[in-house]
C-alpha atoms as a PDB file:
ATOM      1  CA  MET A   1       0.000   0.000   0.000  1.00  0.00           C
ATOM      2  CA  GLN A   2       1.196   3.450  -0.894  1.00  0.00           C
ATOM      3  CA  ASN A   3       2.148   5.901   1.838  1.00  0.00           C
ATOM      4  CA  PRO A   4      -0.766   8.384   1.883  1.00  0.00           C
ATOM      5  CA  GLN A   5       1.702  11.222   2.639  1.00  0.00           C
ATOM      6  CA  GLN A   6       3.530  10.717  -0.669  1.00  0.00           C
ATOM      7  CA  SER A   7       2.264  12.817  -3.518  1.00  0.00           C
ATOM      8  CA  GLN A   8       0.900  11.124  -6.622  1.00  0.00           C
ATOM      9  CA  ILE A   9       1.787  13.933  -8.988  1.00  0.00           C
ATOM     10  CA  ASP A  10       4.449  16.597  -8.582  1.00  0.00           C
ATOM     11  CA  LEU A  11       5.008  19.491 -10.954  1.00  0.00           C
ATOM     12  CA  VAL A  12       8.196  21.478 -10.524  1.00  0.00           C
ATOM     13  CA  GLN A  13       8.417  24.763 -12.458  1.00  0.00           C
ATOM     14  CA  VAL A  14       6.593  23.346 -15.475  1.00  0.00           C
ATOM     15  CA  SER A  15       6.213  25.572 -18.521  1.00  0.00           C
ATOM     16  CA  LEU A  16       4.613  24.963 -21.891  1.00  0.00           C
ATOM     17  CA  LYS A  17       5.588  27.148 -24.808  1.00  0.00           C
ATOM     18  CA  ALA A  18       3.141  27.732 -27.639  1.00  0.00           C
ATOM     19  CA  THR A  19       3.990  25.878 -30.853  1.00  0.00           C
ATOM     20  CA  VAL A  20       3.542  29.112 -32.791  1.00  0.00           C
ATOM     21  CA  GLY A  21       5.047  32.292 -31.408  1.00  0.00           C
ATOM     22  CA  ALA A  22       7.219  32.801 -28.373  1.00  0.00           C
ATOM     23  CA  HIS A  23       4.603  33.066 -25.642  1.00  0.00           C
ATOM     24  CA  TYR A  24       3.969  30.566 -22.878  1.00  0.00           C
ATOM     25  CA  LEU A  25       0.672  28.737 -22.390  1.00  0.00           C
ATOM     26  CA  LEU A  26       1.879  27.708 -18.906  1.00  0.00           C
ATOM     27  CA  GLN A  27       4.768  29.229 -17.002  1.00  0.00           C
ATOM     28  CA  ASP A  28       6.545  27.976 -13.880  1.00  0.00           C
ATOM     29  CA  ILE A  29       3.673  25.850 -12.532  1.00  0.00           C
ATOM     30  CA  SER A  30       4.532  23.939  -9.349  1.00  0.00           C
ATOM     31  CA  PHE A  31       2.237  21.891  -7.127  1.00  0.00           C
ATOM     32  CA  ALA A  32       1.796  18.463  -5.578  1.00  0.00           C
ATOM     33  CA  ALA A  33      -1.381  16.376  -5.708  1.00  0.00           C
ATOM     34  CA  PHE A  34      -1.964  13.675  -3.115  1.00  0.00           C
ATOM     35  CA  GLN A  35      -3.968  10.454  -3.247  1.00  0.00           C
ATOM     36  CA  GLY A  36      -7.698  11.038  -2.693  1.00  0.00           C
ATOM     37  CA  GLU A  37      -7.358  14.780  -3.162  1.00  0.00           C
ATOM     38  CA  ARG A  38      -9.723  16.744  -5.412  1.00  0.00           C
ATOM     39  CA  ILE A  39      -8.230  19.793  -7.060  1.00  0.00           C
ATOM     40  CA  ALA A  40     -10.075  22.378  -9.125  1.00  0.00           C
ATOM     41  CA  VAL A  41      -8.179  24.632 -11.502  1.00  0.00           C
ATOM     42  CA  LEU A  42      -9.965  27.933 -12.017  1.00  0.00           C
ATOM     43  CA  GLY A  43      -9.231  30.702 -14.455  1.00  0.00           C
ATOM     44  CA  ALA A  44     -10.527  32.753 -17.320  1.00  0.00           C
ATOM     45  CA  SER A  45     -10.927  31.303 -20.781  1.00  0.00           C
ATOM     46  CA  GLY A  46      -7.472  30.961 -22.316  1.00  0.00           C
ATOM     47  CA  ALA A  47      -5.696  30.890 -18.941  1.00  0.00           C
ATOM     48  CA  GLY A  48      -4.164  27.460 -19.633  1.00  0.00           C
ATOM     49  CA  LYS A  49      -6.448  25.077 -17.728  1.00  0.00           C
ATOM     50  CA  THR A  50      -6.854  22.668 -20.659  1.00  0.00           C
ATOM     51  CA  SER A  51      -3.154  22.987 -21.512  1.00  0.00           C
ATOM     52  CA  LEU A  52      -2.291  21.917 -17.967  1.00  0.00           C
ATOM     53  CA  LEU A  53      -4.546  18.842 -18.204  1.00  0.00           C
ATOM     54  CA  ARG A  54      -2.996  17.952 -21.585  1.00  0.00           C
ATOM     55  CA  VAL A  55       0.490  18.132 -20.047  1.00  0.00           C
ATOM     56  CA  LEU A  56      -0.612  15.919 -17.140  1.00  0.00           C
ATOM     57  CA  ASN A  57      -1.900  13.300 -19.616  1.00  0.00           C
ATOM     58  CA  ARG A  58       1.100  13.744 -21.974  1.00  0.00           C
ATOM     59  CA  LEU A  59      -0.974  14.906 -24.918  1.00  0.00           C
ATOM     60  CA  SER A  60       1.435  17.860 -24.747  1.00  0.00           C
ATOM     61  CA  GLU A  61       5.016  17.701 -23.499  1.00  0.00           C
ATOM     62  CA  ALA A  62       6.216  20.355 -21.057  1.00  0.00           C
ATOM     63  CA  SER A  63       8.808  22.710 -22.551  1.00  0.00           C
ATOM     64  CA  GLN A  64      10.555  23.115 -19.199  1.00  0.00           C
ATOM     65  CA  GLY A  65      10.398  21.753 -15.689  1.00  0.00           C
ATOM     66  CA  SER A  66       9.827  18.307 -14.247  1.00  0.00           C
ATOM     67  CA  ILE A  67       6.747  16.184 -13.638  1.00  0.00           C
ATOM     68  CA  TYR A  68       6.676  13.091 -11.441  1.00  0.00           C
ATOM     69  CA  PHE A  69       3.986  10.445 -11.066  1.00  0.00           C
ATOM     70  CA  GLU A  70       4.387   8.404  -7.884  1.00  0.00           C
ATOM     71  CA  GLN A  71       7.967   9.725  -7.612  1.00  0.00           C
ATOM     72  CA  GLN A  72       8.830   8.514 -11.132  1.00  0.00           C
ATOM     73  CA  ASP A  73       9.867  10.894 -13.918  1.00  0.00           C
ATOM     74  CA  PHE A  74       6.979  11.292 -16.389  1.00  0.00           C
ATOM     75  CA  ARG A  75       9.316  11.004 -19.359  1.00  0.00           C
ATOM     76  CA  LYS A  76      10.465   7.550 -18.240  1.00  0.00           C
ATOM     77  CA  ILE A  77       6.924   6.126 -18.069  1.00  0.00           C
ATOM     78  CA  PRO A  78       5.634   4.789 -21.411  1.00  0.00           C
ATOM     79  CA  VAL A  79       2.780   7.039 -22.586  1.00  0.00           C
ATOM     80  CA  VAL A  80       0.224   4.214 -22.854  1.00  0.00           C
ATOM     81  CA  LYS A  81       1.050   2.960 -19.353  1.00  0.00           C
ATOM     82  CA  LEU A  82       0.818   6.505 -17.971  1.00  0.00           C
ATOM     83  CA  ARG A  83      -2.558   7.139 -19.638  1.00  0.00           C
ATOM     84  CA  GLN A  84      -3.923   3.914 -18.176  1.00  0.00           C
ATOM     85  CA  GLN A  85      -3.273   5.404 -14.736  1.00  0.00           C
ATOM     86  CA  ILE A  86      -3.949   9.082 -15.474  1.00  0.00           C
ATOM     87  CA  THR A  87      -7.125   9.392 -17.528  1.00  0.00           C
ATOM     88  CA  LEU A  88      -8.260  12.604 -19.194  1.00  0.00           C
ATOM     89  CA  VAL A  89     -11.855  13.332 -20.158  1.00  0.00           C
ATOM     90  CA  PRO A  90     -11.819  16.346 -22.497  1.00  0.00           C
ATOM     91  CA  GLN A  91     -14.608  18.910 -22.493  1.00  0.00           C
ATOM     92  CA  GLU A  92     -15.930  17.747 -25.860  1.00  0.00           C
ATOM     93  CA  SER A  93     -15.576  13.978 -25.767  1.00  0.00           C
ATOM     94  CA  LYS A  94     -16.086  11.736 -28.764  1.00  0.00           C
ATOM     95  CA  LEU A  95     -17.551   8.229 -28.681  1.00  0.00           C
ATOM     96  CA  LEU A  96     -15.603   7.228 -31.816  1.00  0.00           C
ATOM     97  CA  GLY A  97     -18.641   5.990 -33.737  1.00  0.00           C
ATOM     98  CA  MET A  98     -19.402   3.341 -31.116  1.00  0.00           C
ATOM     99  CA  THR A  99     -22.587   2.643 -29.228  1.00  0.00           C
ATOM    100  CA  VAL A 100     -22.727   3.641 -25.583  1.00  0.00           C
ATOM    101  CA  ARG A 101     -22.184  -0.007 -24.561  1.00  0.00           C
ATOM    102  CA  GLU A 102     -19.123  -0.305 -26.824  1.00  0.00           C
ATOM    103  CA  THR A 103     -17.780   3.041 -25.608  1.00  0.00           C
ATOM    104  CA  LEU A 104     -18.044   2.089 -21.936  1.00  0.00           C
ATOM    105  CA  ALA A 105     -16.512  -1.353 -22.515  1.00  0.00           C
ATOM    106  CA  TYR A 106     -13.758  -0.283 -24.923  1.00  0.00           C
ATOM    107  CA  PRO A 107     -10.959   0.558 -22.433  1.00  0.00           C
ATOM    108  CA  LEU A 108     -11.618  -2.684 -20.551  1.00  0.00           C
ATOM    109  CA  VAL A 109     -11.565  -4.702 -23.790  1.00  0.00           C
ATOM    110  CA  LEU A 110      -8.196  -3.119 -24.627  1.00  0.00           C
ATOM    111  CA  ARG A 111      -6.891  -4.262 -21.240  1.00  0.00           C
ATOM    112  CA  GLY A 112      -8.070  -7.838 -21.858  1.00  0.00           C
ATOM    113  CA  VAL A 113     -10.654  -7.856 -19.063  1.00  0.00           C
ATOM    114  CA  GLU A 114     -12.987 -10.871 -19.192  1.00  0.00           C
ATOM    115  CA  ARG A 115     -16.448 -10.224 -20.666  1.00  0.00           C
ATOM    116  CA  HIS A 116     -18.375 -11.007 -17.456  1.00  0.00           C
ATOM    117  CA  ARG A 117     -16.161  -8.610 -15.467  1.00  0.00           C
ATOM    118  CA  ILE A 118     -16.714  -5.934 -18.101  1.00  0.00           C
ATOM    119  CA  GLU A 119     -20.486  -6.359 -17.721  1.00  0.00           C
ATOM    120  CA  GLN A 120     -20.163  -6.127 -13.920  1.00  0.00           C
ATOM    121  CA  ARG A 121     -18.183  -2.887 -14.123  1.00  0.00           C
ATOM    122  CA  LEU A 122     -20.552  -1.381 -16.680  1.00  0.00           C
ATOM    123  CA  LYS A 123     -23.512  -2.168 -14.450  1.00  0.00           C
ATOM    124  CA  ILE A 124     -21.837  -0.608 -11.404  1.00  0.00           C
ATOM    125  CA  TRP A 125     -20.858   2.623 -13.151  1.00  0.00           C
ATOM    126  CA  MET A 126     -24.093   2.962 -15.106  1.00  0.00           C
ATOM    127  CA  GLU A 127     -26.002   2.738 -11.818  1.00  0.00           C
ATOM    128  CA  GLN A 128     -23.713   5.209 -10.052  1.00  0.00           C
ATOM    129  CA  LEU A 129     -23.803   7.738 -12.895  1.00  0.00           C
ATOM    130  CA  HIS A 130     -27.505   7.187 -13.637  1.00  0.00           C
ATOM    131  CA  ILE A 131     -26.822   6.202 -17.249  1.00  0.00           C
ATOM    132  CA  PRO A 132     -30.096   4.615 -18.421  1.00  0.00           C
ATOM    133  CA  SER A 133     -29.947   1.201 -20.123  1.00  0.00           C
ATOM    134  CA  GLU A 134     -31.992   2.724 -23.009  1.00  0.00           C
ATOM    135  CA  TRP A 135     -28.827   4.570 -24.027  1.00  0.00           C
ATOM    136  CA  LEU A 136     -26.739   1.401 -24.500  1.00  0.00           C
ATOM    137  CA  ASP A 137     -27.520   0.935 -28.203  1.00  0.00           C
ATOM    138  CA  ARG A 138     -27.399   4.638 -29.044  1.00  0.00           C
ATOM    139  CA  THR A 139     -24.516   6.251 -30.889  1.00  0.00           C
ATOM    140  CA  GLU A 140     -22.961   9.671 -30.472  1.00  0.00           C
ATOM    141  CA  VAL A 141     -25.373  11.339 -32.899  1.00  0.00           C
ATOM    142  CA  GLN A 142     -28.331  10.066 -30.862  1.00  0.00           C
ATOM    143  CA  LEU A 143     -27.110  11.670 -27.636  1.00  0.00           C
ATOM    144  CA  SER A 144     -27.054  15.261 -26.451  1.00  0.00           C
ATOM    145  CA  VAL A 145     -23.721  16.908 -25.647  1.00  0.00           C
ATOM    146  CA  GLY A 146     -24.394  16.404 -21.927  1.00  0.00           C
ATOM    147  CA  GLN A 147     -25.273  12.727 -22.407  1.00  0.00           C
ATOM    148  CA  ARG A 148     -22.046  12.179 -24.392  1.00  0.00           C
ATOM    149  CA  GLN A 149     -20.095  13.895 -21.636  1.00  0.00           C
ATOM    150  CA  LEU A 150     -21.618  11.634 -18.997  1.00  0.00           C
ATOM    151  CA  VAL A 151     -20.825   8.520 -21.081  1.00  0.00           C
ATOM    152  CA  ALA A 152     -17.237   9.717 -21.579  1.00  0.00           C
ATOM    153  CA  ILE A 153     -16.854  10.167 -17.815  1.00  0.00           C
ATOM    154  CA  GLY A 154     -18.283   6.658 -17.351  1.00  0.00           C
ATOM    155  CA  ARG A 155     -15.750   5.322 -19.883  1.00  0.00           C
ATOM    156  CA  ALA A 156     -12.968   6.869 -17.778  1.00  0.00           C
ATOM    157  CA  LEU A 157     -14.334   5.617 -14.457  1.00  0.00           C
ATOM    158  CA  VAL A 158     -14.794   1.973 -15.540  1.00  0.00           C
ATOM    159  CA  VAL A 159     -11.010   1.574 -15.646  1.00  0.00           C
ATOM    160  CA  GLU A 160     -10.727   3.023 -12.146  1.00  0.00           C
ATOM    161  CA  PRO A 161      -7.661   5.178 -12.886  1.00  0.00           C
ATOM    162  CA  LYS A 162      -5.375   6.425 -10.144  1.00  0.00           C
ATOM    163  CA  VAL A 163      -5.842   9.999 -11.382  1.00  0.00           C
ATOM    164  CA  LEU A 164      -8.895  11.333 -13.203  1.00  0.00           C
ATOM    165  CA  LEU A 165      -8.528  14.612 -15.097  1.00  0.00           C
ATOM    166  CA  LEU A 166     -11.805  16.265 -16.067  1.00  0.00           C
ATOM    167  CA  ASP A 167     -11.977  19.303 -18.335  1.00  0.00           C
ATOM    168  CA  GLU A 168     -15.192  21.208 -17.535  1.00  0.00           C
ATOM    169  CA  PRO A 169     -17.067  17.998 -16.638  1.00  0.00           C
ATOM    170  CA  THR A 170     -20.366  19.639 -15.771  1.00  0.00           C
ATOM    171  CA  SER A 171     -20.508  22.378 -18.421  1.00  0.00           C
ATOM    172  CA  ALA A 172     -22.962  20.448 -20.661  1.00  0.00           C
ATOM    173  CA  LEU A 173     -25.001  18.843 -17.868  1.00  0.00           C
ATOM    174  CA  ASP A 174     -28.249  20.112 -16.388  1.00  0.00           C
ATOM    175  CA  ALA A 175     -28.223  21.126 -12.730  1.00  0.00           C
ATOM    176  CA  GLY A 176     -29.545  17.785 -11.411  1.00  0.00           C
ATOM    177  CA  ARG A 177     -27.064  15.632 -13.338  1.00  0.00           C
ATOM    178  CA  SER A 178     -24.301  18.067 -12.484  1.00  0.00           C
ATOM    179  CA  GLU A 179     -24.932  17.822  -8.748  1.00  0.00           C
ATOM    180  CA  HIS A 180     -25.180  14.043  -8.947  1.00  0.00           C
ATOM    181  CA  LEU A 181     -21.886  13.773 -10.874  1.00  0.00           C
ATOM    182  CA  VAL A 182     -20.107  15.936  -8.321  1.00  0.00           C
ATOM    183  CA  GLN A 183     -21.407  13.676  -5.520  1.00  0.00           C
ATOM    184  CA  VAL A 184     -20.257  10.528  -7.364  1.00  0.00           C
ATOM    185  CA  LEU A 185     -16.796  12.046  -7.840  1.00  0.00           C
ATOM    186  CA  ARG A 186     -16.645  12.964  -4.133  1.00  0.00           C
ATOM    187  CA  ASP A 187     -17.550   9.381  -3.220  1.00  0.00           C
ATOM    188  CA  VAL A 188     -14.873   8.012  -5.575  1.00  0.00           C
ATOM    189  CA  ALA A 189     -12.222  10.268  -4.029  1.00  0.00           C
ATOM    190  CA  LYS A 190     -13.178   9.101  -0.520  1.00  0.00           C
ATOM    191  CA  ARG A 191     -12.760   5.432  -1.503  1.00  0.00           C
ATOM    192  CA  VAL A 192      -9.233   5.937  -2.796  1.00  0.00           C
END
């Protein structure tokens, strides 16, 4: 068991330079995130919130500074292995032309999880997130933006990652679903 006092993620003076121009999207960001902790990053549009999440999931590589995951240098962890432990749900998630059932099961299928265990996990997370079974055969075009967002969050939660990065997770949800999602995420953080 991991020492709860050890940080899971450490950023030390991390900067991200724009690919075009000489300005920085992130500059000298330092913080530590601990197991079970919930952190919200607030800022105006264009402040770098999404850029920070992309760096933490290695969709973008930091221009400067160091990042550690469980005291291991980010750059020494294979990207696929890192993303299996640090999962990002972008603000506008895609279901990749799959049905809701296929979308929820996909990351577990990739990991070679047995079919009956996949069904168990889907049932658990669908119940917790209040994803109706009527959605299972629907595709992306048959869902609202908020419904797609909820399914994408479910897809991330079924793998039970060590770190879950959510970019504006409630922006497309109505107030009731939003409040419920926040409660589910609180409960998940308590169980860690």
